[in-house]
Amino acid sequence: PIEAIHKIPIRDIPPDVLIQTMKSVYEFMGIVERIDVNEKTLYIYHGNTDKRAINAIEKILLNVLDLNGAKYESRCSENLIVMSPVKQKTEVLPVS
């Protein structure tokens, strides 16, 4: 549905636009109750108690972000999934 809305591949959608579209689409479809965004961290509220359903939601959202080139990590609790951008590790090269 996201690519159909924008008529371009997910990888070409600007990240901020993608996140707002994910919020609209997944809330409207009833997959999640609400998605709040604070800077680049997503707070996904859901009403599921089945671990498999929670893992499926987590996997779907992580895959969409990954298709866009954004690497996120997630933490799940009973009614909340928090997704944050993966911090890039910078290598320090030894000075010769």
N, C-alpha and C. Protein backbone atom coordinates (compact mmCIF):
# COMPACT_ATOMS: atom_id res chain seq x y z
N PRO A 1 0.80 -1.21 0.00
CA PRO A 1 0.00 0.00 0.00
C PRO A 1 0.85 1.28 0.00
N ILE A 2 2.02 1.23 0.64
CA ILE A 2 2.84 2.44 0.74
C ILE A 2 3.36 2.85 -0.63
N GLU A 3 3.85 1.88 -1.41
CA GLU A 3 4.34 2.20 -2.76
C GLU A 3 3.20 2.68 -3.65
N ALA A 4 2.01 2.13 -3.48
CA ALA A 4 0.86 2.53 -4.28
C ALA A 4 0.47 3.99 -3.98
N ILE A 5 0.59 4.39 -2.73
CA ILE A 5 0.25 5.76 -2.34
C ILE A 5 1.20 6.75 -3.00
N HIS A 6 2.50 6.44 -2.94
CA HIS A 6 3.51 7.38 -3.44
C HIS A 6 3.90 7.16 -4.90
N LYS A 7 3.53 6.00 -5.43
CA LYS A 7 3.83 5.64 -6.82
C LYS A 7 5.32 5.61 -7.13
N ILE A 8 6.11 5.31 -6.10
CA ILE A 8 7.55 5.10 -6.25
C ILE A 8 7.96 3.99 -5.29
N PRO A 9 9.10 3.34 -5.55
CA PRO A 9 9.56 2.28 -4.63
C PRO A 9 9.84 2.84 -3.23
N ILE A 10 9.69 1.99 -2.24
CA ILE A 10 9.92 2.39 -0.85
C ILE A 10 11.32 2.98 -0.68
N ARG A 11 12.30 2.41 -1.37
CA ARG A 11 13.68 2.90 -1.21
C ARG A 11 13.84 4.36 -1.63
N ASP A 12 12.93 4.87 -2.47
CA ASP A 12 13.03 6.25 -2.97
C ASP A 12 12.19 7.26 -2.20
N ILE A 13 11.44 6.80 -1.22
CA ILE A 13 10.59 7.70 -0.42
C ILE A 13 11.46 8.33 0.67
N PRO A 14 11.43 9.64 0.83
CA PRO A 14 12.20 10.27 1.91
C PRO A 14 11.80 9.66 3.27
N PRO A 15 12.78 9.39 4.14
CA PRO A 15 12.49 8.71 5.41
C PRO A 15 11.37 9.35 6.25
N ASP A 16 11.36 10.67 6.35
CA ASP A 16 10.32 11.32 7.16
C ASP A 16 8.94 11.11 6.56
N VAL A 17 8.85 11.14 5.24
CA VAL A 17 7.58 10.90 4.55
C VAL A 17 7.17 9.45 4.73
N LEU A 18 8.13 8.54 4.64
CA LEU A 18 7.83 7.12 4.83
C LEU A 18 7.25 6.85 6.21
N ILE A 19 7.87 7.39 7.23
CA ILE A 19 7.40 7.15 8.61
C ILE A 19 5.98 7.68 8.79
N GLN A 20 5.69 8.87 8.26
CA GLN A 20 4.32 9.41 8.37
C GLN A 20 3.32 8.56 7.60
N THR A 21 3.75 8.03 6.46
CA THR A 21 2.87 7.15 5.68
C THR A 21 2.64 5.84 6.41
N MET A 22 3.70 5.28 6.99
CA MET A 22 3.55 4.05 7.78
C MET A 22 2.54 4.28 8.91
N LYS A 23 2.66 5.40 9.58
CA LYS A 23 1.75 5.74 10.68
C LYS A 23 0.31 5.73 10.17
N SER A 24 0.06 6.45 9.08
CA SER A 24 -1.31 6.54 8.54
C SER A 24 -1.83 5.18 8.10
N VAL A 25 -1.03 4.45 7.33
CA VAL A 25 -1.47 3.18 6.75
C VAL A 25 -1.72 2.13 7.83
N TYR A 26 -0.76 1.93 8.73
CA TYR A 26 -0.90 0.85 9.71
C TYR A 26 -1.92 1.17 10.79
N GLU A 27 -2.12 2.44 11.11
CA GLU A 27 -3.20 2.80 12.03
C GLU A 27 -4.55 2.60 11.35
N PHE A 28 -4.69 3.06 10.11
CA PHE A 28 -5.95 2.93 9.38
C PHE A 28 -6.32 1.46 9.17
N MET A 29 -5.34 0.62 8.86
CA MET A 29 -5.60 -0.80 8.62
C MET A 29 -5.88 -1.56 9.92
N GLY A 30 -5.64 -0.94 11.06
CA GLY A 30 -5.89 -1.59 12.34
C GLY A 30 -4.79 -2.55 12.76
N ILE A 31 -3.64 -2.48 12.08
CA ILE A 31 -2.52 -3.35 12.46
C ILE A 31 -1.94 -2.90 13.79
N VAL A 32 -1.93 -1.58 14.01
CA VAL A 32 -1.49 -1.02 15.29
C VAL A 32 -2.55 -0.02 15.76
N GLU A 33 -2.54 0.25 17.05
CA GLU A 33 -3.47 1.25 17.57
C GLU A 33 -2.98 2.66 17.28
N ARG A 34 -1.66 2.86 17.47
CA ARG A 34 -1.11 4.21 17.31
C ARG A 34 0.39 4.12 17.12
N ILE A 35 0.92 5.02 16.32
CA ILE A 35 2.37 5.17 16.19
C ILE A 35 2.70 6.62 16.51
N ASP A 36 3.52 6.81 17.52
CA ASP A 36 4.02 8.14 17.86
C ASP A 36 5.47 8.22 17.42
N VAL A 37 5.87 9.38 16.96
CA VAL A 37 7.24 9.58 16.49
C VAL A 37 7.86 10.71 17.28
N ASN A 38 9.03 10.43 17.87
CA ASN A 38 9.79 11.45 18.58
C ASN A 38 11.16 11.48 17.94
N GLU A 39 11.41 12.53 17.17
CA GLU A 39 12.60 12.62 16.33
C GLU A 39 12.58 11.42 15.39
N LYS A 40 13.50 10.47 15.52
CA LYS A 40 13.50 9.32 14.62
C LYS A 40 13.09 8.03 15.33
N THR A 41 12.70 8.13 16.60
CA THR A 41 12.27 6.95 17.36
C THR A 41 10.77 6.76 17.21
N LEU A 42 10.36 5.52 16.92
CA LEU A 42 8.95 5.19 16.74
C LEU A 42 8.45 4.45 17.98
N TYR A 43 7.31 4.88 18.49
CA TYR A 43 6.63 4.22 19.61
C TYR A 43 5.35 3.64 19.04
N ILE A 44 5.32 2.31 18.94
CA ILE A 44 4.20 1.62 18.29
C ILE A 44 3.34 0.97 19.37
N TYR A 45 2.13 1.45 19.52
CA TYR A 45 1.19 0.90 20.50
C TYR A 45 0.27 -0.08 19.79
N HIS A 46 0.11 -1.24 20.39
CA HIS A 46 -0.73 -2.28 19.79
C HIS A 46 -1.55 -2.94 20.90
N GLY A 47 -2.58 -3.63 20.54
CA GLY A 47 -3.43 -4.29 21.54
C GLY A 47 -3.26 -5.79 21.55
N ASN A 48 -2.15 -6.28 21.02
CA ASN A 48 -1.95 -7.73 20.92
C ASN A 48 -1.30 -8.30 22.17
N THR A 49 -1.72 -9.51 22.51
CA THR A 49 -1.08 -10.22 23.61
C THR A 49 -0.35 -11.46 23.10
N ASP A 50 -0.66 -11.88 21.90
CA ASP A 50 -0.02 -13.04 21.29
C ASP A 50 1.38 -12.65 20.81
N LYS A 51 2.39 -13.33 21.33
CA LYS A 51 3.78 -13.03 20.98
C LYS A 51 4.01 -13.11 19.47
N ARG A 52 3.36 -14.07 18.81
CA ARG A 52 3.55 -14.22 17.36
C ARG A 52 3.02 -13.00 16.62
N ALA A 53 1.89 -12.48 17.05
CA ALA A 53 1.33 -11.28 16.42
C ALA A 53 2.24 -10.08 16.64
N ILE A 54 2.75 -9.93 17.85
CA ILE A 54 3.66 -8.82 18.16
C ILE A 54 4.92 -8.93 17.32
N ASN A 55 5.47 -10.13 17.21
CA ASN A 55 6.68 -10.34 16.41
C ASN A 55 6.41 -10.07 14.93
N ALA A 56 5.22 -10.40 14.46
CA ALA A 56 4.86 -10.14 13.06
C ALA A 56 4.80 -8.63 12.79
N ILE A 57 4.18 -7.88 13.69
CA ILE A 57 4.12 -6.42 13.54
C ILE A 57 5.53 -5.85 13.53
N GLU A 58 6.34 -6.29 14.47
CA GLU A 58 7.72 -5.82 14.56
C GLU A 58 8.48 -6.10 13.26
N LYS A 59 8.33 -7.31 12.75
CA LYS A 59 9.04 -7.71 11.53
C LYS A 59 8.58 -6.89 10.32
N ILE A 60 7.27 -6.69 10.18
CA ILE A 60 6.74 -5.92 9.06
C ILE A 60 7.33 -4.51 9.06
N LEU A 61 7.26 -3.84 10.21
CA LEU A 61 7.72 -2.45 10.28
C LEU A 61 9.23 -2.35 10.08
N LEU A 62 9.99 -3.27 10.67
CA LEU A 62 11.45 -3.26 10.48
C LEU A 62 11.81 -3.50 9.01
N ASN A 63 11.07 -4.39 8.34
CA ASN A 63 11.34 -4.67 6.93
C ASN A 63 11.06 -3.46 6.05
N VAL A 64 9.99 -2.74 6.33
CA VAL A 64 9.68 -1.54 5.54
C VAL A 64 10.79 -0.49 5.73
N LEU A 65 11.21 -0.29 6.97
CA LEU A 65 12.29 0.66 7.23
C LEU A 65 13.58 0.22 6.55
N ASP A 66 13.85 -1.09 6.59
CA ASP A 66 15.06 -1.64 5.97
C ASP A 66 15.03 -1.43 4.45
N LEU A 67 13.87 -1.63 3.84
CA LEU A 67 13.74 -1.40 2.39
C LEU A 67 14.05 0.05 2.02
N ASN A 68 13.85 0.94 2.97
CA ASN A 68 14.12 2.35 2.75
C ASN A 68 15.59 2.69 3.02
N GLY A 69 16.33 1.69 3.51
CA GLY A 69 17.74 1.91 3.81
C GLY A 69 18.01 2.35 5.23
N ALA A 70 16.98 2.36 6.06
CA ALA A 70 17.12 2.78 7.45
C ALA A 70 17.27 1.55 8.34
N LYS A 71 18.31 1.52 9.11
CA LYS A 71 18.54 0.39 10.02
C LYS A 71 18.03 0.77 11.40
N TYR A 72 17.03 0.00 11.85
CA TYR A 72 16.43 0.24 13.16
C TYR A 72 16.58 -1.00 14.02
N GLU A 73 16.62 -0.77 15.33
CA GLU A 73 16.57 -1.87 16.29
C GLU A 73 15.29 -1.68 17.09
N SER A 74 14.78 -2.77 17.65
CA SER A 74 13.51 -2.65 18.36
C SER A 74 13.56 -3.35 19.70
N ARG A 75 12.69 -2.87 20.57
CA ARG A 75 12.47 -3.48 21.89
C ARG A 75 10.97 -3.61 22.06
N CYS A 76 10.54 -4.76 22.53
CA CYS A 76 9.11 -5.02 22.69
C CYS A 76 8.76 -5.19 24.16
N SER A 77 7.60 -4.65 24.52
CA SER A 77 7.01 -4.95 25.82
C SER A 77 5.58 -5.38 25.54
N GLU A 78 4.78 -5.49 26.57
CA GLU A 78 3.45 -6.06 26.40
C GLU A 78 2.58 -5.33 25.38
N ASN A 79 2.54 -4.01 25.42
CA ASN A 79 1.67 -3.26 24.51
C ASN A 79 2.41 -2.22 23.68
N LEU A 80 3.74 -2.29 23.69
CA LEU A 80 4.52 -1.25 23.05
C LEU A 80 5.75 -1.85 22.35
N ILE A 81 6.01 -1.36 21.14
CA ILE A 81 7.25 -1.67 20.44
C ILE A 81 7.95 -0.34 20.22
N VAL A 82 9.21 -0.26 20.64
CA VAL A 82 9.99 0.96 20.44
C VAL A 82 11.06 0.65 19.40
N MET A 83 11.09 1.45 18.34
CA MET A 83 12.09 1.28 17.28
C MET A 83 12.95 2.53 17.20
N SER A 84 14.26 2.29 17.29
CA SER A 84 15.21 3.39 17.25
C SER A 84 16.25 3.13 16.17
N PRO A 85 16.75 4.20 15.55
CA PRO A 85 17.79 4.01 14.54
C PRO A 85 19.02 3.36 15.18
N VAL A 86 19.64 2.47 14.43
CA VAL A 86 20.87 1.84 14.89
C VAL A 86 21.97 2.89 14.81
N LYS A 87 22.68 3.04 15.91
CA LYS A 87 23.79 4.00 15.93
C LYS A 87 24.94 3.42 15.13
N GLN A 88 25.44 4.20 14.20
CA GLN A 88 26.57 3.76 13.39
C GLN A 88 27.83 3.86 14.22
N LYS A 89 28.58 2.75 14.24
CA LYS A 89 29.85 2.74 14.96
C LYS A 89 30.92 3.32 14.03
N THR A 90 31.63 4.28 14.56
CA THR A 90 32.71 4.86 13.76
C THR A 90 34.02 4.23 14.20
N GLU A 91 34.78 3.84 13.23
CA GLU A 91 36.07 3.23 13.54
C GLU A 91 37.09 4.33 13.70
N VAL A 92 37.90 4.17 14.74
CA VAL A 92 39.01 5.10 14.95
C VAL A 92 40.26 4.38 14.47
N LEU A 93 40.87 4.97 13.46
CA LEU A 93 42.08 4.36 12.91
C LEU A 93 43.28 4.83 13.73
N PRO A 94 44.18 3.90 13.98
CA PRO A 94 45.38 4.30 14.75
C PRO A 94 46.23 5.31 13.96
N VAL A 95 46.77 6.25 14.68
CA VAL A 95 47.64 7.25 14.06
C VAL A 95 49.03 6.66 13.95
N SER A 96 49.62 6.73 12.74
CA SER A 96 50.96 6.16 12.59
C SER A 96 52.02 7.21 12.72
